[in-house]
Amino acid sequence: MSDDKPLSELETMKLPLQLIKLLSSNPGANAAFEELPAEVQRQKIEWVAEATSAEDREKRSEQVMAQLLNP
């Protein structure tokens, strides 16, 4: 029997690669990210993803990490 519940918007969003790498390398930051409300997670993901270059996505990902580790 399959689960017919629709995926939430957050579950279908694609995390930017730069953010994935940083979150996966730091369990504390990853846990802090997962504890954020879904809307805040979505805002952070979109902010990183909207950067026009890989360098800017990397910088934004690092800023998100800093926010998670130093709330």
N, C-alpha and C. Protein backbone atom coordinates (compact mmCIF):
# COMPACT_ATOMS: atom_id res chain seq x y z
N MET A 1 0.85 -1.17 0.00
CA MET A 1 0.00 0.00 0.00
C MET A 1 0.89 1.24 0.00
N SER A 2 0.62 2.17 -0.90
CA SER A 2 1.46 3.36 -1.00
C SER A 2 0.90 4.48 -0.13
N ASP A 3 1.78 5.37 0.24
CA ASP A 3 1.39 6.53 1.02
C ASP A 3 0.96 7.62 0.04
N ASP A 4 -0.30 8.00 0.04
CA ASP A 4 -0.83 8.95 -0.92
C ASP A 4 -0.80 10.39 -0.44
N LYS A 5 -0.11 10.66 0.69
CA LYS A 5 -0.04 12.02 1.17
C LYS A 5 0.80 12.85 0.21
N PRO A 6 0.33 14.04 -0.15
CA PRO A 6 1.14 14.88 -1.04
C PRO A 6 2.38 15.38 -0.31
N LEU A 7 3.45 15.56 -1.05
CA LEU A 7 4.66 16.10 -0.47
C LEU A 7 4.47 17.59 -0.22
N SER A 8 5.01 18.05 0.87
CA SER A 8 4.95 19.48 1.14
C SER A 8 5.89 20.20 0.17
N GLU A 9 5.72 21.49 0.06
CA GLU A 9 6.59 22.30 -0.81
C GLU A 9 8.05 22.13 -0.41
N LEU A 10 8.30 22.11 0.89
CA LEU A 10 9.67 21.98 1.38
C LEU A 10 10.27 20.65 0.99
N GLU A 11 9.48 19.59 1.05
CA GLU A 11 9.99 18.26 0.71
C GLU A 11 10.34 18.15 -0.77
N THR A 12 9.72 18.96 -1.61
CA THR A 12 9.99 18.89 -3.03
C THR A 12 11.05 19.90 -3.48
N MET A 13 11.47 20.79 -2.58
CA MET A 13 12.50 21.76 -2.94
C MET A 13 13.85 21.07 -3.02
N LYS A 14 14.65 21.50 -3.94
CA LYS A 14 15.98 20.94 -4.10
C LYS A 14 16.99 21.82 -3.37
N LEU A 15 17.69 21.22 -2.44
CA LEU A 15 18.71 21.96 -1.71
C LEU A 15 19.88 22.26 -2.63
N PRO A 16 20.40 23.47 -2.59
CA PRO A 16 21.60 23.78 -3.38
C PRO A 16 22.76 22.89 -2.92
N LEU A 17 23.56 22.44 -3.87
CA LEU A 17 24.66 21.53 -3.60
C LEU A 17 25.61 22.09 -2.54
N GLN A 18 25.90 23.37 -2.61
CA GLN A 18 26.81 23.98 -1.65
C GLN A 18 26.27 23.87 -0.23
N LEU A 19 24.97 24.06 -0.08
CA LEU A 19 24.35 23.97 1.24
C LEU A 19 24.33 22.52 1.73
N ILE A 20 24.06 21.60 0.84
CA ILE A 20 24.06 20.17 1.20
C ILE A 20 25.44 19.77 1.74
N LYS A 21 26.49 20.16 1.03
CA LYS A 21 27.85 19.80 1.45
C LYS A 21 28.17 20.33 2.85
N LEU A 22 27.82 21.59 3.09
CA LEU A 22 28.14 22.17 4.39
C LEU A 22 27.30 21.57 5.51
N LEU A 23 26.02 21.35 5.26
CA LEU A 23 25.16 20.75 6.29
C LEU A 23 25.58 19.32 6.60
N SER A 24 25.95 18.57 5.56
CA SER A 24 26.32 17.18 5.79
C SER A 24 27.67 17.06 6.50
N SER A 25 28.49 18.10 6.41
CA SER A 25 29.80 18.05 7.07
C SER A 25 29.74 18.52 8.52
N ASN A 26 28.58 19.03 8.95
CA ASN A 26 28.46 19.55 10.30
C ASN A 26 27.13 19.09 10.92
N PRO A 27 27.17 18.00 11.69
CA PRO A 27 25.93 17.47 12.28
C PRO A 27 25.18 18.49 13.14
N GLY A 28 25.89 19.35 13.84
CA GLY A 28 25.23 20.34 14.69
C GLY A 28 24.44 21.35 13.86
N ALA A 29 25.03 21.81 12.77
CA ALA A 29 24.34 22.75 11.89
C ALA A 29 23.16 22.07 11.21
N ASN A 30 23.36 20.82 10.81
CA ASN A 30 22.28 20.07 10.16
C ASN A 30 21.10 19.91 11.12
N ALA A 31 21.38 19.57 12.37
CA ALA A 31 20.32 19.42 13.37
C ALA A 31 19.61 20.75 13.60
N ALA A 32 20.39 21.84 13.66
CA ALA A 32 19.79 23.16 13.87
C ALA A 32 18.90 23.53 12.68
N PHE A 33 19.34 23.20 11.47
CA PHE A 33 18.54 23.48 10.28
C PHE A 33 17.22 22.71 10.32
N GLU A 34 17.30 21.44 10.69
CA GLU A 34 16.09 20.60 10.73
C GLU A 34 15.12 21.06 11.81
N GLU A 35 15.60 21.73 12.84
CA GLU A 35 14.73 22.23 13.91
C GLU A 35 14.03 23.53 13.53
N LEU A 36 14.50 24.20 12.47
CA LEU A 36 13.87 25.45 12.05
C LEU A 36 12.46 25.17 11.53
N PRO A 37 11.56 26.12 11.69
CA PRO A 37 10.24 25.97 11.08
C PRO A 37 10.39 25.83 9.56
N ALA A 38 9.48 25.11 8.94
CA ALA A 38 9.55 24.84 7.50
C ALA A 38 9.65 26.13 6.69
N GLU A 39 8.94 27.15 7.08
CA GLU A 39 8.97 28.42 6.35
C GLU A 39 10.37 29.04 6.38
N VAL A 40 11.03 28.98 7.51
CA VAL A 40 12.38 29.53 7.64
C VAL A 40 13.37 28.70 6.81
N GLN A 41 13.21 27.37 6.85
CA GLN A 41 14.05 26.51 6.01
C GLN A 41 13.88 26.90 4.54
N ARG A 42 12.63 27.06 4.13
CA ARG A 42 12.35 27.40 2.73
C ARG A 42 13.00 28.73 2.35
N GLN A 43 12.91 29.72 3.23
CA GLN A 43 13.51 31.02 2.96
C GLN A 43 15.01 30.91 2.78
N LYS A 44 15.65 30.15 3.64
CA LYS A 44 17.11 30.00 3.55
C LYS A 44 17.51 29.25 2.27
N ILE A 45 16.77 28.20 1.93
CA ILE A 45 17.05 27.44 0.72
C ILE A 45 16.88 28.34 -0.51
N GLU A 46 15.80 29.08 -0.56
CA GLU A 46 15.55 29.96 -1.70
C GLU A 46 16.61 31.05 -1.81
N TRP A 47 17.02 31.61 -0.68
CA TRP A 47 18.01 32.67 -0.69
C TRP A 47 19.33 32.16 -1.28
N VAL A 48 19.73 30.95 -0.88
CA VAL A 48 20.96 30.38 -1.43
C VAL A 48 20.77 30.05 -2.92
N ALA A 49 19.67 29.44 -3.26
CA ALA A 49 19.42 28.99 -4.63
C ALA A 49 19.30 30.16 -5.61
N GLU A 50 18.84 31.31 -5.15
CA GLU A 50 18.65 32.45 -6.04
C GLU A 50 19.95 33.14 -6.43
N ALA A 51 21.05 32.81 -5.79
CA ALA A 51 22.33 33.42 -6.15
C ALA A 51 22.67 33.05 -7.59
N THR A 52 23.24 34.00 -8.31
CA THR A 52 23.45 33.79 -9.74
C THR A 52 24.72 33.04 -10.09
N SER A 53 25.64 32.90 -9.15
CA SER A 53 26.88 32.16 -9.46
C SER A 53 27.16 31.15 -8.35
N ALA A 54 27.95 30.17 -8.70
CA ALA A 54 28.33 29.14 -7.71
C ALA A 54 29.09 29.78 -6.55
N GLU A 55 29.91 30.77 -6.85
CA GLU A 55 30.66 31.46 -5.80
C GLU A 55 29.71 32.15 -4.81
N ASP A 56 28.70 32.80 -5.34
CA ASP A 56 27.72 33.46 -4.47
C ASP A 56 26.91 32.45 -3.67
N ARG A 57 26.55 31.31 -4.29
CA ARG A 57 25.82 30.27 -3.55
C ARG A 57 26.68 29.73 -2.41
N GLU A 58 27.99 29.60 -2.67
CA GLU A 58 28.91 29.13 -1.63
C GLU A 58 28.96 30.13 -0.48
N LYS A 59 29.07 31.40 -0.79
CA LYS A 59 29.11 32.44 0.25
C LYS A 59 27.82 32.46 1.06
N ARG A 60 26.70 32.37 0.36
CA ARG A 60 25.41 32.38 1.06
C ARG A 60 25.25 31.14 1.92
N SER A 61 25.72 30.00 1.43
CA SER A 61 25.65 28.76 2.22
C SER A 61 26.47 28.91 3.49
N GLU A 62 27.64 29.53 3.38
CA GLU A 62 28.48 29.74 4.55
C GLU A 62 27.81 30.69 5.54
N GLN A 63 27.09 31.69 5.02
CA GLN A 63 26.36 32.60 5.90
C GLN A 63 25.23 31.88 6.63
N VAL A 64 24.54 30.99 5.94
CA VAL A 64 23.49 30.20 6.58
C VAL A 64 24.10 29.34 7.68
N MET A 65 25.23 28.73 7.39
CA MET A 65 25.90 27.89 8.41
C MET A 65 26.26 28.72 9.63
N ALA A 66 26.79 29.92 9.42
CA ALA A 66 27.16 30.79 10.53
C ALA A 66 25.92 31.12 11.37
N GLN A 67 24.81 31.39 10.71
CA GLN A 67 23.57 31.69 11.43
C GLN A 67 23.11 30.49 12.25
N LEU A 68 23.25 29.30 11.69
CA LEU A 68 22.80 28.09 12.39
C LEU A 68 23.67 27.79 13.60
N LEU A 69 24.97 28.06 13.47
CA LEU A 69 25.90 27.72 14.55
C LEU A 69 26.00 28.81 15.61
N ASN A 70 25.55 30.03 15.25
CA ASN A 70 25.61 31.16 16.19
C ASN A 70 24.27 31.88 16.19
N PRO A 71 23.23 31.22 16.71
CA PRO A 71 21.89 31.83 16.65
C PRO A 71 21.76 33.11 17.47
